[in-house]
Amino acid sequence: MTASAIISIISAVLAIARALVEYVQQRKWMDAGAAQATLKGISDADAAIKKGMDARAAARDNAAKHPDSVRDDDGFKRSD
């Protein structure tokens, strides 16, 4: 084998290695993006749950302070 053939083989191997590294980096970025999207979804859901729990606590506190107006007639009562 000549030196130029060896250099060509090494160059091809390095090109393949570089392509593999670029592929792995892109996959990491995609995985990182998916993780960030999942984290955002979880954070949004957590914020919505907290908002609901705060509203429930406010309604419970209001009902405790004003027991005479616990349920106002909204027109959707059952006819028991």
Protein backbone atom coordinates (compact mmCIF):
# COMPACT_ATOMS: atom_id res chain seq x y z
CA MET A 1 0.00 0.00 0.00
CA THR A 2 1.20 3.42 -0.83
CA ALA A 3 1.19 6.36 1.49
CA SER A 4 -1.52 8.12 -0.51
CA ALA A 5 -3.80 5.07 -0.24
CA ILE A 6 -3.27 4.93 3.52
CA ILE A 7 -3.95 8.66 3.80
CA SER A 8 -7.13 8.25 1.70
CA ILE A 9 -8.34 5.43 3.95
CA ILE A 10 -7.59 7.45 7.09
CA SER A 11 -9.35 10.46 5.58
CA ALA A 12 -12.43 8.37 4.78
CA VAL A 13 -12.50 6.90 8.29
CA LEU A 14 -12.22 10.38 9.79
CA ALA A 15 -15.02 11.64 7.53
CA ILE A 16 -17.25 8.79 8.69
CA ALA A 17 -16.32 9.48 12.31
CA ARG A 18 -17.10 13.18 11.87
CA ALA A 19 -20.49 12.36 10.31
CA LEU A 20 -21.23 10.00 13.19
CA VAL A 21 -20.31 12.66 15.76
CA GLU A 22 -22.52 15.22 13.99
CA TYR A 23 -25.40 12.73 13.95
CA VAL A 24 -24.99 12.04 17.67
CA GLN A 25 -24.89 15.77 18.42
CA GLN A 26 -28.07 16.34 16.43
CA ARG A 27 -29.77 13.50 18.30
CA LYS A 28 -28.68 15.02 21.61
CA TRP A 29 -30.12 18.38 20.56
CA MET A 30 -33.36 16.71 19.49
CA ASP A 31 -33.52 14.82 22.77
CA ALA A 32 -32.73 18.02 24.67
CA GLY A 33 -35.49 19.81 22.76
CA ALA A 34 -37.95 17.05 23.58
CA ALA A 35 -36.91 17.21 27.22
CA GLN A 36 -37.41 20.97 27.25
CA ALA A 37 -40.84 20.62 25.65
CA THR A 38 -41.81 17.98 28.20
CA LEU A 39 -40.56 20.17 31.04
CA LYS A 40 -42.58 23.10 29.71
CA GLY A 41 -45.69 20.94 29.51
CA ILE A 42 -45.18 19.72 33.06
CA SER A 43 -44.56 23.26 34.29
CA ASP A 44 -47.71 24.52 32.56
CA ALA A 45 -49.75 21.67 34.02
CA ASP A 46 -48.29 22.35 37.46
CA ALA A 47 -49.23 26.03 37.16
CA ALA A 48 -52.79 25.12 36.12
CA ILE A 49 -53.10 22.70 39.04
CA LYS A 50 -51.84 25.34 41.46
CA LYS A 51 -54.30 27.88 40.06
CA GLY A 52 -57.14 25.40 40.54
CA MET A 53 -56.06 24.53 44.05
CA ASP A 54 -55.81 28.23 44.94
CA ALA A 55 -59.32 28.81 43.55
CA ARG A 56 -60.63 25.86 45.55
CA ALA A 57 -58.99 27.20 48.72
CA ALA A 58 -60.44 30.67 48.08
CA ALA A 59 -63.93 29.18 47.58
CA ARG A 60 -63.57 27.11 50.75
CA ASP A 61 -62.42 30.17 52.72
CA ASN A 62 -65.29 32.24 51.33
CA ALA A 63 -67.78 29.50 52.25
CA ALA A 64 -66.36 29.37 55.78
CA LYS A 65 -66.59 33.16 56.18
CA HIS A 66 -70.08 33.43 54.67
CA PRO A 67 -71.93 30.15 55.31
CA ASP A 68 -75.31 31.71 54.44
CA SER A 69 -74.30 32.18 50.78
CA VAL A 70 -72.57 28.87 50.18
CA ARG A 71 -74.53 28.00 47.04
CA ASP A 72 -76.16 30.80 45.13
CA ASP A 73 -78.97 29.83 42.79
CA ASP A 74 -77.51 29.65 39.33
CA GLY A 75 -80.63 28.21 37.69
CA PHE A 76 -79.21 24.74 37.34
CA LYS A 77 -80.45 23.21 40.58
CA ARG A 78 -82.08 19.80 40.61
CA SER A 79 -85.78 19.79 41.31
CA ASP A 80 -85.59 17.55 44.39
